[in-house]
Amino acid sequence: MVELNHFFTQVKSHSYPQNQQPDDKNVKPLADTWNCYLQSLQEAIAESNTAKQIVEKDYDRLQALAIAWEKQIEIASINSSEDKVRQALVYKQNCTTRARELKTLLERHLIHISTLQTRLAYWQNQL
């Protein structure tokens, strides 16, 4: 996950004295920095979405494998093959455990994306 600098969380909206306006020399660099920050947030959201999609695909694949191993367990049980039942059970449990870990990672990505989107919306409304 991408971590961003929290520079703008420290900027106050009325950081200039009431009777003094910022000079043009200071406004341009601040605007450039502001645009870079907004662009960084947008890029972080895109990267997190891509990572989330990859995790979702892996999660779905492992879920399908766990179902396939469950069917193998049933077939081996019907054929009274205890060794194959044990082996299929181990593979199924492995797939289920890995899928559970990916589900947790997926939930973390969703929270991260939501946080970044909220931050982006906030800073876009500050313009």
N, C-alpha and C. Protein backbone atom coordinates (compact mmCIF):
# COMPACT_ATOMS: atom_id res chain seq x y z
N MET A 1 0.82 -1.18 0.00
CA MET A 1 0.00 0.00 0.00
C MET A 1 0.87 1.24 0.00
N VAL A 2 0.35 2.26 -0.59
CA VAL A 2 1.10 3.49 -0.74
C VAL A 2 0.84 4.39 0.45
N GLU A 3 1.89 4.95 1.01
CA GLU A 3 1.74 5.91 2.09
C GLU A 3 2.07 7.29 1.57
N LEU A 4 1.30 8.26 1.99
CA LEU A 4 1.48 9.61 1.50
C LEU A 4 1.93 10.54 2.62
N ASN A 5 2.60 11.59 2.22
CA ASN A 5 3.03 12.63 3.13
C ASN A 5 1.80 13.42 3.57
N HIS A 6 1.73 13.76 4.83
CA HIS A 6 0.58 14.49 5.36
C HIS A 6 0.87 15.99 5.46
N PHE A 7 1.60 16.54 4.49
CA PHE A 7 2.00 17.94 4.51
C PHE A 7 0.79 18.85 4.58
N PHE A 8 -0.23 18.57 3.78
CA PHE A 8 -1.36 19.48 3.70
C PHE A 8 -2.30 19.38 4.89
N THR A 9 -2.16 18.36 5.69
CA THR A 9 -3.01 18.28 6.87
C THR A 9 -2.58 19.32 7.91
N GLN A 10 -1.40 19.89 7.70
CA GLN A 10 -0.89 20.87 8.64
C GLN A 10 -1.07 22.30 8.15
N VAL A 11 -1.58 22.49 6.93
CA VAL A 11 -1.77 23.83 6.37
C VAL A 11 -3.07 24.39 6.89
N LYS A 12 -3.05 25.58 7.42
CA LYS A 12 -4.27 26.22 7.92
C LYS A 12 -4.82 27.12 6.83
N SER A 13 -6.15 27.19 6.74
CA SER A 13 -6.77 27.94 5.66
C SER A 13 -6.49 29.44 5.75
N HIS A 14 -6.32 29.97 6.95
CA HIS A 14 -6.05 31.41 7.11
C HIS A 14 -4.66 31.60 7.69
N SER A 15 -3.67 31.10 7.00
CA SER A 15 -2.31 31.17 7.53
C SER A 15 -1.67 32.53 7.27
N TYR A 16 -2.32 33.40 6.48
CA TYR A 16 -1.80 34.73 6.22
C TYR A 16 -2.52 35.74 7.12
N PRO A 17 -1.83 36.76 7.56
CA PRO A 17 -2.48 37.80 8.35
C PRO A 17 -3.63 38.42 7.55
N GLN A 18 -4.63 38.94 8.24
CA GLN A 18 -5.85 39.45 7.61
C GLN A 18 -5.56 40.54 6.57
N ASN A 19 -4.65 41.42 6.84
CA ASN A 19 -4.41 42.54 5.93
C ASN A 19 -3.29 42.28 4.94
N GLN A 20 -2.74 41.10 4.93
CA GLN A 20 -1.62 40.80 4.03
C GLN A 20 -1.99 39.63 3.14
N GLN A 21 -1.81 39.77 1.87
CA GLN A 21 -2.07 38.72 0.89
C GLN A 21 -0.75 38.07 0.52
N PRO A 22 -0.77 36.79 0.13
CA PRO A 22 0.47 36.15 -0.29
C PRO A 22 0.96 36.77 -1.59
N ASP A 23 2.28 36.87 -1.73
CA ASP A 23 2.80 37.41 -2.99
C ASP A 23 2.81 36.31 -4.05
N ASP A 24 2.86 36.71 -5.30
CA ASP A 24 2.78 35.76 -6.41
C ASP A 24 3.93 34.76 -6.41
N LYS A 25 5.05 35.12 -5.83
CA LYS A 25 6.20 34.21 -5.80
C LYS A 25 5.91 32.98 -4.95
N ASN A 26 5.12 33.12 -3.89
CA ASN A 26 4.82 32.01 -3.00
C ASN A 26 3.62 31.20 -3.45
N VAL A 27 2.72 31.80 -4.21
CA VAL A 27 1.50 31.12 -4.62
C VAL A 27 1.79 30.01 -5.63
N LYS A 28 2.63 30.27 -6.61
CA LYS A 28 2.94 29.29 -7.66
C LYS A 28 3.53 28.00 -7.09
N PRO A 29 4.57 28.06 -6.26
CA PRO A 29 5.11 26.81 -5.70
C PRO A 29 4.08 26.05 -4.86
N LEU A 30 3.24 26.78 -4.11
CA LEU A 30 2.23 26.11 -3.30
C LEU A 30 1.21 25.42 -4.19
N ALA A 31 0.81 26.07 -5.29
CA ALA A 31 -0.15 25.46 -6.23
C ALA A 31 0.46 24.21 -6.87
N ASP A 32 1.73 24.29 -7.24
CA ASP A 32 2.39 23.12 -7.82
C ASP A 32 2.44 21.97 -6.82
N THR A 33 2.78 22.29 -5.58
CA THR A 33 2.84 21.27 -4.54
C THR A 33 1.45 20.69 -4.29
N TRP A 34 0.45 21.55 -4.29
CA TRP A 34 -0.95 21.12 -4.10
C TRP A 34 -1.36 20.15 -5.20
N ASN A 35 -1.07 20.53 -6.45
CA ASN A 35 -1.42 19.66 -7.58
C ASN A 35 -0.67 18.33 -7.52
N CYS A 36 0.58 18.37 -7.10
CA CYS A 36 1.36 17.13 -6.95
C CYS A 36 0.74 16.24 -5.87
N TYR A 37 0.29 16.85 -4.80
CA TYR A 37 -0.32 16.07 -3.72
C TYR A 37 -1.62 15.43 -4.19
N LEU A 38 -2.46 16.20 -4.88
CA LEU A 38 -3.71 15.64 -5.41
C LEU A 38 -3.43 14.53 -6.41
N GLN A 39 -2.43 14.74 -7.25
CA GLN A 39 -2.06 13.71 -8.22
C GLN A 39 -1.53 12.46 -7.50
N SER A 40 -0.77 12.65 -6.45
CA SER A 40 -0.27 11.51 -5.67
C SER A 40 -1.41 10.71 -5.06
N LEU A 41 -2.41 11.41 -4.57
CA LEU A 41 -3.58 10.72 -4.01
C LEU A 41 -4.30 9.93 -5.10
N GLN A 42 -4.48 10.52 -6.26
CA GLN A 42 -5.15 9.83 -7.36
C GLN A 42 -4.36 8.60 -7.80
N GLU A 43 -3.05 8.73 -7.88
CA GLU A 43 -2.21 7.59 -8.25
C GLU A 43 -2.26 6.49 -7.19
N ALA A 44 -2.26 6.88 -5.93
CA ALA A 44 -2.34 5.90 -4.84
C ALA A 44 -3.67 5.14 -4.88
N ILE A 45 -4.74 5.85 -5.20
CA ILE A 45 -6.04 5.19 -5.33
C ILE A 45 -6.01 4.19 -6.48
N ALA A 46 -5.46 4.60 -7.61
CA ALA A 46 -5.38 3.70 -8.77
C ALA A 46 -4.54 2.46 -8.46
N GLU A 47 -3.39 2.66 -7.80
CA GLU A 47 -2.52 1.53 -7.45
C GLU A 47 -3.21 0.59 -6.46
N SER A 48 -3.91 1.16 -5.50
CA SER A 48 -4.60 0.33 -4.52
C SER A 48 -5.75 -0.44 -5.16
N ASN A 49 -6.44 0.19 -6.10
CA ASN A 49 -7.51 -0.51 -6.83
C ASN A 49 -6.95 -1.69 -7.62
N THR A 50 -5.81 -1.47 -8.27
CA THR A 50 -5.17 -2.55 -9.03
C THR A 50 -4.76 -3.70 -8.10
N ALA A 51 -4.15 -3.36 -6.99
CA ALA A 51 -3.74 -4.39 -6.02
C ALA A 51 -4.97 -5.13 -5.49
N LYS A 52 -6.04 -4.40 -5.22
CA LYS A 52 -7.27 -5.02 -4.72
C LYS A 52 -7.83 -6.00 -5.74
N GLN A 53 -7.79 -5.63 -7.01
CA GLN A 53 -8.30 -6.51 -8.06
C GLN A 53 -7.47 -7.80 -8.15
N ILE A 54 -6.17 -7.68 -8.00
CA ILE A 54 -5.29 -8.85 -8.04
C ILE A 54 -5.61 -9.77 -6.86
N VAL A 55 -5.76 -9.19 -5.69
CA VAL A 55 -6.08 -9.98 -4.50
C VAL A 55 -7.45 -10.65 -4.67
N GLU A 56 -8.41 -9.93 -5.23
CA GLU A 56 -9.74 -10.53 -5.46
C GLU A 56 -9.66 -11.74 -6.38
N LYS A 57 -8.88 -11.62 -7.46
CA LYS A 57 -8.72 -12.75 -8.38
C LYS A 57 -8.09 -13.95 -7.68
N ASP A 58 -7.04 -13.70 -6.91
CA ASP A 58 -6.38 -14.79 -6.17
C ASP A 58 -7.33 -15.41 -5.15
N TYR A 59 -8.10 -14.57 -4.48
CA TYR A 59 -9.08 -15.07 -3.50
C TYR A 59 -10.11 -15.97 -4.18
N ASP A 60 -10.66 -15.49 -5.30
CA ASP A 60 -11.65 -16.28 -6.03
C ASP A 60 -11.07 -17.61 -6.51
N ARG A 61 -9.82 -17.57 -6.97
CA ARG A 61 -9.15 -18.79 -7.44
C ARG A 61 -8.98 -19.79 -6.30
N LEU A 62 -8.57 -19.31 -5.15
CA LEU A 62 -8.39 -20.20 -4.00
C LEU A 62 -9.73 -20.75 -3.48
N GLN A 63 -10.76 -19.94 -3.55
CA GLN A 63 -12.09 -20.43 -3.16
C GLN A 63 -12.53 -21.56 -4.09
N ALA A 64 -12.29 -21.37 -5.39
CA ALA A 64 -12.64 -22.41 -6.36
C ALA A 64 -11.83 -23.69 -6.12
N LEU A 65 -10.55 -23.53 -5.80
CA LEU A 65 -9.71 -24.70 -5.50
C LEU A 65 -10.20 -25.43 -4.26
N ALA A 66 -10.62 -24.69 -3.25
CA ALA A 66 -11.14 -25.33 -2.03
C ALA A 66 -12.39 -26.14 -2.34
N ILE A 67 -13.24 -25.61 -3.21
CA ILE A 67 -14.45 -26.34 -3.61
C ILE A 67 -14.08 -27.60 -4.39
N ALA A 68 -13.08 -27.47 -5.27
CA ALA A 68 -12.64 -28.64 -6.05
C ALA A 68 -12.07 -29.72 -5.12
N TRP A 69 -11.30 -29.31 -4.11
CA TRP A 69 -10.75 -30.29 -3.17
C TRP A 69 -11.86 -30.91 -2.34
N GLU A 70 -12.89 -30.16 -2.03
CA GLU A 70 -14.04 -30.73 -1.30
C GLU A 70 -14.68 -31.84 -2.12
N LYS A 71 -14.78 -31.62 -3.42
CA LYS A 71 -15.34 -32.67 -4.30
C LYS A 71 -14.43 -33.89 -4.34
N GLN A 72 -13.11 -33.65 -4.33
CA GLN A 72 -12.17 -34.77 -4.30
C GLN A 72 -12.30 -35.56 -3.00
N ILE A 73 -12.57 -34.87 -1.91
CA ILE A 73 -12.78 -35.55 -0.63
C ILE A 73 -14.00 -36.46 -0.72
N GLU A 74 -15.06 -35.94 -1.31
CA GLU A 74 -16.29 -36.74 -1.46
C GLU A 74 -16.05 -37.97 -2.33
N ILE A 75 -15.35 -37.78 -3.43
CA ILE A 75 -15.06 -38.90 -4.33
C ILE A 75 -14.19 -39.94 -3.62
N ALA A 76 -13.16 -39.47 -2.93
CA ALA A 76 -12.27 -40.40 -2.21
C ALA A 76 -13.03 -41.12 -1.09
N SER A 77 -13.97 -40.45 -0.45
CA SER A 77 -14.77 -41.09 0.60
C SER A 77 -15.64 -42.20 0.01
N ILE A 78 -16.23 -41.92 -1.13
CA ILE A 78 -17.07 -42.92 -1.79
C ILE A 78 -16.24 -44.15 -2.17
N ASN A 79 -15.01 -43.91 -2.61
CA ASN A 79 -14.12 -44.99 -3.02
C ASN A 79 -13.37 -45.62 -1.84
N SER A 80 -13.65 -45.16 -0.65
CA SER A 80 -13.02 -45.67 0.58
C SER A 80 -11.49 -45.58 0.53
N SER A 81 -11.00 -44.46 0.03
CA SER A 81 -9.56 -44.25 -0.05
C SER A 81 -9.15 -43.23 1.02
N GLU A 82 -8.78 -43.72 2.20
CA GLU A 82 -8.46 -42.85 3.32
C GLU A 82 -7.25 -41.95 3.05
N ASP A 83 -6.25 -42.48 2.37
CA ASP A 83 -5.06 -41.68 2.06
C ASP A 83 -5.43 -40.49 1.19
N LYS A 84 -6.24 -40.75 0.17
CA LYS A 84 -6.65 -39.65 -0.73
C LYS A 84 -7.56 -38.66 -0.01
N VAL A 85 -8.37 -39.14 0.90
CA VAL A 85 -9.23 -38.24 1.69
C VAL A 85 -8.37 -37.31 2.53
N ARG A 86 -7.38 -37.88 3.23
CA ARG A 86 -6.48 -37.07 4.06
C ARG A 86 -5.71 -36.06 3.22
N GLN A 87 -5.20 -36.51 2.08
CA GLN A 87 -4.44 -35.62 1.21
C GLN A 87 -5.32 -34.48 0.69
N ALA A 88 -6.50 -34.80 0.23
CA ALA A 88 -7.41 -33.77 -0.29
C ALA A 88 -7.83 -32.81 0.83
N LEU A 89 -8.01 -33.34 2.02
CA LEU A 89 -8.39 -32.50 3.15
C LEU A 89 -7.29 -31.50 3.49
N VAL A 90 -6.05 -31.96 3.45
CA VAL A 90 -4.91 -31.07 3.71
C VAL A 90 -4.86 -29.96 2.66
N TYR A 91 -5.02 -30.32 1.38
CA TYR A 91 -5.00 -29.31 0.32
C TYR A 91 -6.16 -28.33 0.46
N LYS A 92 -7.33 -28.86 0.81
CA LYS A 92 -8.50 -27.99 0.99
C LYS A 92 -8.26 -27.02 2.13
N GLN A 93 -7.74 -27.51 3.26
CA GLN A 93 -7.49 -26.65 4.40
C GLN A 93 -6.44 -25.58 4.07
N ASN A 94 -5.43 -25.96 3.29
CA ASN A 94 -4.42 -25.01 2.86
C ASN A 94 -5.05 -23.89 2.02
N CYS A 95 -5.88 -24.28 1.06
CA CYS A 95 -6.55 -23.29 0.20
C CYS A 95 -7.47 -22.39 1.03
N THR A 96 -8.19 -22.98 1.96
CA THR A 96 -9.11 -22.21 2.80
C THR A 96 -8.36 -21.21 3.68
N THR A 97 -7.25 -21.65 4.24
CA THR A 97 -6.44 -20.76 5.09
C THR A 97 -5.88 -19.61 4.27
N ARG A 98 -5.33 -19.91 3.11
CA ARG A 98 -4.78 -18.86 2.25
C ARG A 98 -5.87 -17.91 1.77
N ALA A 99 -7.05 -18.44 1.48
CA ALA A 99 -8.17 -17.60 1.05
C ALA A 99 -8.60 -16.66 2.18
N ARG A 100 -8.60 -17.17 3.40
CA ARG A 100 -8.96 -16.34 4.55
C ARG A 100 -7.95 -15.19 4.72
N GLU A 101 -6.68 -15.49 4.52
CA GLU A 101 -5.65 -14.44 4.61
C GLU A 101 -5.85 -13.39 3.53
N LEU A 102 -6.19 -13.85 2.32
CA LEU A 102 -6.44 -12.91 1.23
C LEU A 102 -7.69 -12.07 1.49
N LYS A 103 -8.68 -12.67 2.11
CA LYS A 103 -9.91 -11.93 2.45
C LYS A 103 -9.58 -10.79 3.40
N THR A 104 -8.73 -11.06 4.37
CA THR A 104 -8.29 -10.02 5.31
C THR A 104 -7.54 -8.92 4.57
N LEU A 105 -6.65 -9.30 3.67
CA LEU A 105 -5.90 -8.33 2.88
C LEU A 105 -6.84 -7.51 2.00
N LEU A 106 -7.83 -8.15 1.43
CA LEU A 106 -8.81 -7.47 0.60
C LEU A 106 -9.57 -6.43 1.41
N GLU A 107 -9.97 -6.79 2.62
CA GLU A 107 -10.67 -5.83 3.49
C GLU A 107 -9.77 -4.64 3.83
N ARG A 108 -8.51 -4.89 4.04
CA ARG A 108 -7.56 -3.80 4.32
C ARG A 108 -7.42 -2.87 3.11
N HIS A 109 -7.39 -3.45 1.91
CA HIS A 109 -7.32 -2.63 0.70
C HIS A 109 -8.57 -1.76 0.57
N LEU A 110 -9.73 -2.31 0.86
CA LEU A 110 -10.96 -1.55 0.77
C LEU A 110 -10.96 -0.36 1.74
N ILE A 111 -10.48 -0.59 2.95
CA ILE A 111 -10.38 0.49 3.93
C ILE A 111 -9.39 1.54 3.47
N HIS A 112 -8.25 1.08 2.96
CA HIS A 112 -7.21 2.00 2.48
C HIS A 112 -7.73 2.86 1.33
N ILE A 113 -8.41 2.24 0.38
CA ILE A 113 -8.96 2.97 -0.77
C ILE A 113 -9.99 3.98 -0.29
N SER A 114 -10.84 3.57 0.61
CA SER A 114 -11.87 4.48 1.13
C SER A 114 -11.23 5.68 1.82
N THR A 115 -10.19 5.43 2.59
CA THR A 115 -9.48 6.53 3.27
C THR A 115 -8.86 7.48 2.26
N LEU A 116 -8.21 6.93 1.25
CA LEU A 116 -7.59 7.78 0.23
C LEU A 116 -8.64 8.59 -0.53
N GLN A 117 -9.77 7.98 -0.86
CA GLN A 117 -10.83 8.69 -1.59
C GLN A 117 -11.42 9.81 -0.73
N THR A 118 -11.58 9.55 0.55
CA THR A 118 -12.09 10.58 1.46
C THR A 118 -11.11 11.74 1.54
N ARG A 119 -9.84 11.41 1.66
CA ARG A 119 -8.80 12.45 1.73
C ARG A 119 -8.76 13.26 0.43
N LEU A 120 -8.85 12.58 -0.70
CA LEU A 120 -8.84 13.27 -1.99
C LEU A 120 -10.04 14.20 -2.11
N ALA A 121 -11.22 13.73 -1.77
CA ALA A 121 -12.43 14.55 -1.84
C ALA A 121 -12.30 15.78 -0.94
N TYR A 122 -11.76 15.57 0.25
CA TYR A 122 -11.58 16.69 1.17
C TYR A 122 -10.66 17.75 0.57
N TRP A 123 -9.53 17.33 0.05
CA TRP A 123 -8.56 18.30 -0.46
C TRP A 123 -9.01 18.93 -1.77
N GLN A 124 -9.78 18.22 -2.56
CA GLN A 124 -10.32 18.83 -3.78
C GLN A 124 -11.33 19.92 -3.42
N ASN A 125 -12.06 19.73 -2.35
CA ASN A 125 -13.04 20.74 -1.93
C ASN A 125 -12.38 21.94 -1.25
N GLN A 126 -11.10 21.85 -0.95
CA GLN A 126 -10.39 22.97 -0.33
C GLN A 126 -9.94 23.99 -1.36
N LEU A 127 -10.03 23.63 -2.62
CA LEU A 127 -9.55 24.55 -3.67
C LEU A 127 -10.43 25.74 -3.83
